[in-house]
PDB file of N, CA and C in Angstrom:
ATOM      1  N   UNK A   1     -27.422  -3.194  46.007  1.00  0.00           N
ATOM      2  CA  UNK A   1     -27.900  -2.003  45.360  1.00  0.00           C
ATOM      3  C   UNK A   1     -27.549  -2.055  43.877  1.00  0.00           C
ATOM      4  N   UNK A   2     -28.362  -1.437  43.080  1.00  0.00           N
ATOM      5  CA  UNK A   2     -28.170  -1.435  41.640  1.00  0.00           C
ATOM      6  C   UNK A   2     -27.688  -0.072  41.170  1.00  0.00           C
ATOM      7  N   UNK A   3     -26.677  -0.088  40.324  1.00  0.00           N
ATOM      8  CA  UNK A   3     -26.188   1.156  39.737  1.00  0.00           C
ATOM      9  C   UNK A   3     -27.273   1.731  38.843  1.00  0.00           C
ATOM     10  N   UNK A   4     -27.572   3.005  39.025  1.00  0.00           N
ATOM     11  CA  UNK A   4     -28.598   3.676  38.241  1.00  0.00           C
ATOM     12  C   UNK A   4     -28.040   4.276  36.963  1.00  0.00           C
ATOM     13  N   UNK A   5     -26.759   4.665  36.998  1.00  0.00           N
ATOM     14  CA  UNK A   5     -26.172   5.292  35.829  1.00  0.00           C
ATOM     15  C   UNK A   5     -24.653   5.188  35.925  1.00  0.00           C
ATOM     16  N   UNK A   6     -24.015   5.000  34.796  1.00  0.00           N
ATOM     17  CA  UNK A   6     -22.556   4.995  34.723  1.00  0.00           C
ATOM     18  C   UNK A   6     -22.147   6.010  33.673  1.00  0.00           C
ATOM     19  N   UNK A   7     -21.169   6.845  34.013  1.00  0.00           N
ATOM     20  CA  UNK A   7     -20.635   7.752  33.012  1.00  0.00           C
ATOM     21  C   UNK A   7     -19.116   7.653  33.022  1.00  0.00           C
ATOM     22  N   UNK A   8     -18.539   8.042  31.923  1.00  0.00           N
ATOM     23  CA  UNK A   8     -17.095   8.028  31.770  1.00  0.00           C
ATOM     24  C   UNK A   8     -16.634   9.473  31.774  1.00  0.00           C
ATOM     25  N   UNK A   9     -15.676   9.772  32.652  1.00  0.00           N
ATOM     26  CA  UNK A   9     -15.174  11.138  32.776  1.00  0.00           C
ATOM     27  C   UNK A   9     -13.667  11.167  32.570  1.00  0.00           C
ATOM     28  N   UNK A  10     -13.190  12.338  32.175  1.00  0.00           N
ATOM     29  CA  UNK A  10     -11.752  12.553  31.974  1.00  0.00           C
ATOM     30  C   UNK A  10     -11.314  13.666  32.919  1.00  0.00           C
ATOM     31  N   UNK A  11     -10.136  13.478  33.530  1.00  0.00           N
ATOM     32  CA  UNK A  11      -9.577  14.526  34.378  1.00  0.00           C
ATOM     33  C   UNK A  11      -9.158  15.671  33.460  1.00  0.00           C
ATOM     34  N   UNK A  12      -9.734  16.844  33.706  1.00  0.00           N
ATOM     35  CA  UNK A  12      -9.401  18.008  32.902  1.00  0.00           C
ATOM     36  C   UNK A  12      -8.285  18.825  33.518  1.00  0.00           C
ATOM     37  N   UNK A  13      -8.317  18.952  34.841  1.00  0.00           N
ATOM     38  CA  UNK A  13      -7.292  19.749  35.511  1.00  0.00           C
ATOM     39  C   UNK A  13      -7.184  19.367  36.979  1.00  0.00           C
ATOM     40  N   UNK A  14      -6.014  19.616  37.533  1.00  0.00           N
ATOM     41  CA  UNK A  14      -5.730  19.409  38.958  1.00  0.00           C
ATOM     42  C   UNK A  14      -5.029  20.662  39.471  1.00  0.00           C
ATOM     43  N   UNK A  15      -5.629  21.301  40.459  1.00  0.00           N
ATOM     44  CA  UNK A  15      -5.052  22.523  41.013  1.00  0.00           C
ATOM     45  C   UNK A  15      -4.698  22.302  42.478  1.00  0.00           C
ATOM     46  N   UNK A  16      -3.410  22.264  42.823  1.00  0.00           N
ATOM     47  CA  UNK A  16      -3.032  22.160  44.231  1.00  0.00           C
ATOM     48  C   UNK A  16      -3.102  23.535  44.891  1.00  0.00           C
ATOM     49  N   UNK A  17      -3.552  23.566  46.125  1.00  0.00           N
ATOM     50  CA  UNK A  17      -3.544  24.783  46.933  1.00  0.00           C
ATOM     51  C   UNK A  17      -2.504  24.585  48.020  1.00  0.00           C
ATOM     52  N   UNK A  18      -1.585  25.527  48.101  1.00  0.00           N
ATOM     53  CA  UNK A  18      -0.461  25.373  49.020  1.00  0.00           C
ATOM     54  C   UNK A  18      -0.496  26.440  50.111  1.00  0.00           C
ATOM     55  N   UNK A  19       0.064  26.090  51.256  1.00  0.00           N
ATOM     56  CA  UNK A  19       0.162  27.048  52.349  1.00  0.00           C
ATOM     57  C   UNK A  19       1.381  27.953  52.132  1.00  0.00           C
ATOM     58  N   UNK A  20       1.655  28.821  53.089  1.00  0.00           N
ATOM     59  CA  UNK A  20       2.747  29.795  52.964  1.00  0.00           C
ATOM     60  C   UNK A  20       4.110  29.132  52.799  1.00  0.00           C
ATOM     61  N   UNK A  21       4.255  27.905  53.299  1.00  0.00           N
ATOM     62  CA  UNK A  21       5.527  27.183  53.181  1.00  0.00           C
ATOM     63  C   UNK A  21       5.611  26.360  51.890  1.00  0.00           C
ATOM     64  N   UNK A  22       4.546  26.380  51.091  1.00  0.00           N
ATOM     65  CA  UNK A  22       4.554  25.635  49.832  1.00  0.00           C
ATOM     66  C   UNK A  22       4.036  24.215  49.937  1.00  0.00           C
ATOM     67  N   UNK A  23       3.543  23.828  51.109  1.00  0.00           N
ATOM     68  CA  UNK A  23       3.010  22.477  51.304  1.00  0.00           C
ATOM     69  C   UNK A  23       1.574  22.418  50.782  1.00  0.00           C
ATOM     70  N   UNK A  24       1.257  21.390  49.992  1.00  0.00           N
ATOM     71  CA  UNK A  24      -0.099  21.222  49.485  1.00  0.00           C
ATOM     72  C   UNK A  24      -1.043  20.919  50.636  1.00  0.00           C
ATOM     73  N   UNK A  25      -2.134  21.688  50.722  1.00  0.00           N
ATOM     74  CA  UNK A  25      -3.127  21.477  51.773  1.00  0.00           C
ATOM     75  C   UNK A  25      -4.412  20.862  51.220  1.00  0.00           C
ATOM     76  N   UNK A  26      -4.689  21.079  49.950  1.00  0.00           N
ATOM     77  CA  UNK A  26      -5.762  20.376  49.263  1.00  0.00           C
ATOM     78  C   UNK A  26      -5.564  20.530  47.759  1.00  0.00           C
ATOM     79  N   UNK A  27      -6.372  19.800  47.029  1.00  0.00           N
ATOM     80  CA  UNK A  27      -6.232  19.779  45.575  1.00  0.00           C
ATOM     81  C   UNK A  27      -7.640  19.739  44.965  1.00  0.00           C
ATOM     82  N   UNK A  28      -7.901  20.601  44.016  1.00  0.00           N
ATOM     83  CA  UNK A  28      -9.182  20.591  43.327  1.00  0.00           C
ATOM     84  C   UNK A  28      -8.998  19.925  41.969  1.00  0.00           C
ATOM     85  N   UNK A  29      -9.820  18.909  41.724  1.00  0.00           N
ATOM     86  CA  UNK A  29      -9.755  18.155  40.474  1.00  0.00           C
ATOM     87  C   UNK A  29     -11.063  18.369  39.724  1.00  0.00           C
ATOM     88  N   UNK A  30     -10.952  18.725  38.458  1.00  0.00           N
ATOM     89  CA  UNK A  30     -12.131  18.915  37.622  1.00  0.00           C
ATOM     90  C   UNK A  30     -12.193  17.823  36.560  1.00  0.00           C
ATOM     91  N   UNK A  31     -13.383  17.271  36.406  1.00  0.00           N
ATOM     92  CA  UNK A  31     -13.629  16.216  35.429  1.00  0.00           C
ATOM     93  C   UNK A  31     -14.654  16.707  34.413  1.00  0.00           C
ATOM     94  N   UNK A  32     -14.586  16.179  33.213  1.00  0.00           N
ATOM     95  CA  UNK A  32     -15.614  16.440  32.219  1.00  0.00           C
ATOM     96  C   UNK A  32     -15.941  15.137  31.502  1.00  0.00           C
ATOM     97  N   UNK A  33     -17.122  15.108  30.892  1.00  0.00           N
ATOM     98  CA  UNK A  33     -17.580  13.899  30.220  1.00  0.00           C
ATOM     99  C   UNK A  33     -16.722  13.555  29.017  1.00  0.00           C
ATOM    100  N   UNK A  34     -16.628  12.275  28.742  1.00  0.00           N
ATOM    101  CA  UNK A  34     -15.876  11.780  27.587  1.00  0.00           C
ATOM    102  C   UNK A  34     -16.857  11.568  26.440  1.00  0.00           C
ATOM    103  N   UNK A  35     -16.500  12.078  25.293  1.00  0.00           N
ATOM    104  CA  UNK A  35     -17.323  11.893  24.102  1.00  0.00           C
ATOM    105  C   UNK A  35     -16.404  11.749  22.898  1.00  0.00           C
ATOM    106  N   UNK A  36     -16.884  11.082  21.890  1.00  0.00           N
ATOM    107  CA  UNK A  36     -16.111  10.961  20.655  1.00  0.00           C
ATOM    108  C   UNK A  36     -16.211  12.257  19.878  1.00  0.00           C
ATOM    109  N   UNK A  37     -15.119  12.676  19.323  1.00  0.00           N
ATOM    110  CA  UNK A  37     -15.140  13.904  18.525  1.00  0.00           C
ATOM    111  C   UNK A  37     -15.427  13.631  17.058  1.00  0.00           C
ATOM    112  N   UNK A  38     -15.381  12.369  16.660  1.00  0.00           N
ATOM    113  CA  UNK A  38     -15.563  12.050  15.241  1.00  0.00           C
ATOM    114  C   UNK A  38     -16.843  11.271  14.965  1.00  0.00           C
ATOM    115  N   UNK A  39     -17.837  11.379  15.826  1.00  0.00           N
ATOM    116  CA  UNK A  39     -19.123  10.730  15.596  1.00  0.00           C
ATOM    117  C   UNK A  39     -19.211   9.327  16.184  1.00  0.00           C
ATOM    118  N   UNK A  40     -20.408   8.795  16.184  1.00  0.00           N
ATOM    119  CA  UNK A  40     -20.684   7.486  16.778  1.00  0.00           C
ATOM    120  C   UNK A  40     -21.120   6.506  15.695  1.00  0.00           C
ATOM    121  N   UNK A  41     -20.818   5.219  15.880  1.00  0.00           N
ATOM    122  CA  UNK A  41     -21.302   4.235  14.912  1.00  0.00           C
ATOM    123  C   UNK A  41     -22.833   4.163  14.952  1.00  0.00           C
ATOM    124  N   UNK A  42     -23.441   3.856  13.842  1.00  0.00           N
ATOM    125  CA  UNK A  42     -24.901   3.831  13.727  1.00  0.00           C
ATOM    126  C   UNK A  42     -25.550   2.865  14.711  1.00  0.00           C
ATOM    127  N   UNK A  43     -24.845   1.774  15.043  1.00  0.00           N
ATOM    128  CA  UNK A  43     -25.437   0.793  15.952  1.00  0.00           C
ATOM    129  C   UNK A  43     -25.259   1.161  17.425  1.00  0.00           C
ATOM    130  N   UNK A  44     -24.594   2.292  17.714  1.00  0.00           N
ATOM    131  CA  UNK A  44     -24.427   2.742  19.100  1.00  0.00           C
ATOM    132  C   UNK A  44     -23.444   1.924  19.902  1.00  0.00           C
ATOM    133  N   UNK A  45     -22.597   1.150  19.236  1.00  0.00           N
ATOM    134  CA  UNK A  45     -21.730   0.203  19.936  1.00  0.00           C
ATOM    135  C   UNK A  45     -20.521   0.831  20.624  1.00  0.00           C
ATOM    136  N   UNK A  46     -20.173   2.058  20.312  1.00  0.00           N
ATOM    137  CA  UNK A  46     -19.012   2.679  20.939  1.00  0.00           C
ATOM    138  C   UNK A  46     -19.273   2.946  22.415  1.00  0.00           C
ATOM    139  N   UNK A  47     -18.321   2.579  23.282  1.00  0.00           N
ATOM    140  CA  UNK A  47     -18.494   2.749  24.716  1.00  0.00           C
ATOM    141  C   UNK A  47     -18.814   4.187  25.105  1.00  0.00           C
ATOM    142  N   UNK A  48     -18.156   5.153  24.470  1.00  0.00           N
ATOM    143  CA  UNK A  48     -18.386   6.550  24.819  1.00  0.00           C
ATOM    144  C   UNK A  48     -19.776   7.026  24.397  1.00  0.00           C
ATOM    145  N   UNK A  49     -20.437   6.282  23.536  1.00  0.00           N
ATOM    146  CA  UNK A  49     -21.790   6.615  23.113  1.00  0.00           C
ATOM    147  C   UNK A  49     -22.803   6.335  24.218  1.00  0.00           C
ATOM    148  N   UNK A  50     -22.556   5.333  25.031  1.00  0.00           N
ATOM    149  CA  UNK A  50     -23.530   4.867  26.006  1.00  0.00           C
ATOM    150  C   UNK A  50     -24.050   5.983  26.896  1.00  0.00           C
ATOM    151  N   UNK A  51     -23.177   6.833  27.380  1.00  0.00           N
ATOM    152  CA  UNK A  51     -23.599   7.922  28.252  1.00  0.00           C
ATOM    153  C   UNK A  51     -23.642   9.260  27.531  1.00  0.00           C
ATOM    154  N   UNK A  52     -22.567   9.604  26.865  1.00  0.00           N
ATOM    155  CA  UNK A  52     -22.424  10.976  26.384  1.00  0.00           C
ATOM    156  C   UNK A  52     -23.358  11.357  25.240  1.00  0.00           C
ATOM    157  N   UNK A  53     -23.829  10.382  24.468  1.00  0.00           N
ATOM    158  CA  UNK A  53     -24.751  10.730  23.390  1.00  0.00           C
ATOM    159  C   UNK A  53     -26.025  11.338  23.958  1.00  0.00           C
ATOM    160  N   UNK A  54     -26.452  10.840  25.125  1.00  0.00           N
ATOM    161  CA  UNK A  54     -27.718  11.285  25.708  1.00  0.00           C
ATOM    162  C   UNK A  54     -27.517  12.332  26.801  1.00  0.00           C
ATOM    163  N   UNK A  55     -26.339  12.455  27.316  1.00  0.00           N
ATOM    164  CA  UNK A  55     -26.015  13.458  28.342  1.00  0.00           C
ATOM    165  C   UNK A  55     -24.682  14.086  27.950  1.00  0.00           C
ATOM    166  N   UNK A  56     -24.689  14.938  26.939  1.00  0.00           N
ATOM    167  CA  UNK A  56     -23.430  15.410  26.368  1.00  0.00           C
ATOM    168  C   UNK A  56     -22.641  16.392  27.219  1.00  0.00           C
ATOM    169  N   UNK A  57     -23.173  16.813  28.353  1.00  0.00           N
ATOM    170  CA  UNK A  57     -22.442  17.767  29.179  1.00  0.00           C
ATOM    171  C   UNK A  57     -22.316  17.227  30.595  1.00  0.00           C
ATOM    172  N   UNK A  58     -21.083  17.045  31.041  1.00  0.00           N
ATOM    173  CA  UNK A  58     -20.823  16.551  32.390  1.00  0.00           C
ATOM    174  C   UNK A  58     -19.733  17.413  32.999  1.00  0.00           C
ATOM    175  N   UNK A  59     -19.938  17.851  34.220  1.00  0.00           N
ATOM    176  CA  UNK A  59     -18.909  18.580  34.943  1.00  0.00           C
ATOM    177  C   UNK A  59     -18.929  18.161  36.398  1.00  0.00           C
ATOM    178  N   UNK A  60     -17.803  17.695  36.895  1.00  0.00           N
ATOM    179  CA  UNK A  60     -17.678  17.281  38.291  1.00  0.00           C
ATOM    180  C   UNK A  60     -16.420  17.931  38.840  1.00  0.00           C
ATOM    181  N   UNK A  61     -16.526  18.496  40.020  1.00  0.00           N
ATOM    182  CA  UNK A  61     -15.361  19.082  40.688  1.00  0.00           C
ATOM    183  C   UNK A  61     -15.261  18.491  42.082  1.00  0.00           C
ATOM    184  N   UNK A  62     -14.074  18.036  42.442  1.00  0.00           N
ATOM    185  CA  UNK A  62     -13.827  17.443  43.754  1.00  0.00           C
ATOM    186  C   UNK A  62     -12.637  18.148  44.386  1.00  0.00           C
ATOM    187  N   UNK A  63     -12.793  18.530  45.652  1.00  0.00           N
ATOM    188  CA  UNK A  63     -11.661  19.065  46.403  1.00  0.00           C
ATOM    189  C   UNK A  63     -11.185  17.971  47.337  1.00  0.00           C
ATOM    190  N   UNK A  64      -9.940  17.581  47.190  1.00  0.00           N
ATOM    191  CA  UNK A  64      -9.344  16.493  47.960  1.00  0.00           C
ATOM    192  C   UNK A  64      -8.493  17.090  49.075  1.00  0.00           C
ATOM    193  N   UNK A  65      -8.733  16.650  50.303  1.00  0.00           N
ATOM    194  CA  UNK A  65      -7.955  17.130  51.443  1.00  0.00           C
ATOM    195  C   UNK A  65      -7.089  16.026  52.049  1.00  0.00           C
ATOM    196  N   UNK A  66      -7.221  14.805  51.558  1.00  0.00           N
ATOM    197  CA  UNK A  66      -6.445  13.677  52.067  1.00  0.00           C
ATOM    198  C   UNK A  66      -5.064  13.675  51.400  1.00  0.00           C
ATOM    199  N   UNK A  67      -4.000  13.953  52.163  1.00  0.00           N
ATOM    200  CA  UNK A  67      -2.656  14.011  51.573  1.00  0.00           C
ATOM    201  C   UNK A  67      -2.251  12.742  50.816  1.00  0.00           C
ATOM    202  N   UNK A  68      -2.787  11.596  51.219  1.00  0.00           N
ATOM    203  CA  UNK A  68      -2.450  10.339  50.543  1.00  0.00           C
ATOM    204  C   UNK A  68      -2.981  10.309  49.107  1.00  0.00           C
ATOM    205  N   UNK A  69      -3.917  11.195  48.785  1.00  0.00           N
ATOM    206  CA  UNK A  69      -4.505  11.201  47.447  1.00  0.00           C
ATOM    207  C   UNK A  69      -4.002  12.330  46.555  1.00  0.00           C
ATOM    208  N   UNK A  70      -3.168  13.212  47.087  1.00  0.00           N
ATOM    209  CA  UNK A  70      -2.635  14.303  46.278  1.00  0.00           C
ATOM    210  C   UNK A  70      -1.835  13.736  45.105  1.00  0.00           C
ATOM    211  N   UNK A  71      -2.022  14.323  43.937  1.00  0.00           N
ATOM    212  CA  UNK A  71      -1.303  13.976  42.708  1.00  0.00           C
ATOM    213  C   UNK A  71      -1.571  12.557  42.218  1.00  0.00           C
ATOM    214  N   UNK A  72      -2.648  11.933  42.678  1.00  0.00           N
ATOM    215  CA  UNK A  72      -2.999  10.585  42.212  1.00  0.00           C
ATOM    216  C   UNK A  72      -3.806  10.623  40.917  1.00  0.00           C
ATOM    217  N   UNK A  73      -4.510  11.727  40.674  1.00  0.00           N
ATOM    218  CA  UNK A  73      -5.297  11.880  39.457  1.00  0.00           C
ATOM    219  C   UNK A  73      -4.549  12.822  38.521  1.00  0.00           C
ATOM    220  N   UNK A  74      -4.420  12.421  37.273  1.00  0.00           N
ATOM    221  CA  UNK A  74      -3.601  13.148  36.308  1.00  0.00           C
ATOM    222  C   UNK A  74      -4.468  13.593  35.138  1.00  0.00           C
ATOM    223  N   UNK A  75      -4.347  14.860  34.707  1.00  0.00           N
ATOM    224  CA  UNK A  75      -5.113  15.309  33.550  1.00  0.00           C
ATOM    225  C   UNK A  75      -4.937  14.358  32.362  1.00  0.00           C
ATOM    226  N   UNK A  76      -6.085  14.060  31.736  1.00  0.00           N
ATOM    227  CA  UNK A  76      -6.096  13.146  30.590  1.00  0.00           C
ATOM    228  C   UNK A  76      -6.530  11.738  30.954  1.00  0.00           C
ATOM    229  N   UNK A  77      -6.389  11.344  32.215  1.00  0.00           N
ATOM    230  CA  UNK A  77      -6.829  10.006  32.626  1.00  0.00           C
ATOM    231  C   UNK A  77      -8.356   9.936  32.592  1.00  0.00           C
ATOM    232  N   UNK A  78      -8.867   8.741  32.327  1.00  0.00           N
ATOM    233  CA  UNK A  78     -10.318   8.532  32.271  1.00  0.00           C
ATOM    234  C   UNK A  78     -10.752   7.568  33.364  1.00  0.00           C
ATOM    235  N   UNK A  79     -11.952   7.833  33.902  1.00  0.00           N
ATOM    236  CA  UNK A  79     -12.513   7.023  34.986  1.00  0.00           C
ATOM    237  C   UNK A  79     -13.992   6.814  34.753  1.00  0.00           C
ATOM    238  N   UNK A  80     -14.507   5.739  35.333  1.00  0.00           N
ATOM    239  CA  UNK A  80     -15.956   5.529  35.380  1.00  0.00           C
ATOM    240  C   UNK A  80     -16.480   6.105  36.686  1.00  0.00           C
ATOM    241  N   UNK A  81     -17.641   6.708  36.610  1.00  0.00           N
ATOM    242  CA  UNK A  81     -18.334   7.180  37.801  1.00  0.00           C
ATOM    243  C   UNK A  81     -19.675   6.467  37.806  1.00  0.00           C
ATOM    244  N   UNK A  82     -19.926   5.710  38.862  1.00  0.00           N
ATOM    245  CA  UNK A  82     -21.187   4.986  38.989  1.00  0.00           C
ATOM    246  C   UNK A  82     -22.077   5.689  40.001  1.00  0.00           C
ATOM    247  N   UNK A  83     -23.327   5.885  39.626  1.00  0.00           N
ATOM    248  CA  UNK A  83     -24.303   6.479  40.520  1.00  0.00           C
ATOM    249  C   UNK A  83     -25.180   5.349  41.052  1.00  0.00           C
ATOM    250  N   UNK A  84     -25.014   5.077  42.342  1.00  0.00           N
ATOM    251  CA  UNK A  84     -25.721   4.005  43.025  1.00  0.00           C
ATOM    252  C   UNK A  84     -26.447   4.602  44.227  1.00  0.00           C
ATOM    253  N   UNK A  85     -27.716   4.302  44.409  1.00  0.00           N
ATOM    254  CA  UNK A  85     -28.425   4.861  45.563  1.00  0.00           C
ATOM    255  C   UNK A  85     -27.715   4.537  46.876  1.00  0.00           C
ATOM    256  N   UNK A  86     -27.669   5.524  47.752  1.00  0.00           N
ATOM    257  CA  UNK A  86     -26.970   5.356  49.033  1.00  0.00           C
ATOM    258  C   UNK A  86     -27.890   4.854  50.137  1.00  0.00           C
ATOM    259  N   UNK A  87     -29.162   4.774  49.866  1.00  0.00           N
ATOM    260  CA  UNK A  87     -30.099   4.339  50.930  1.00  0.00           C
ATOM    261  C   UNK A  87     -30.244   2.853  50.990  1.00  0.00           C
TER     262      UNK A  87
END
């Protein structure tokens, strides 16, 4: 399968939801698109230009229920998200 689109996202926030005993039962992670704040080079060579120049608004929210993944994503970290057809 061929990737149709790749974007770069940054973890904006991680919110744990805890039960009455204080145990984390799930975690909501919000991501936003990465873009340069000081402009792009004229030749378009900056990596953050590839996606964000043409799609300047990205918002992804994931609720994680797998305890093995709690606290694995940290605000400020950056990740690639690849969109590949599932069929």
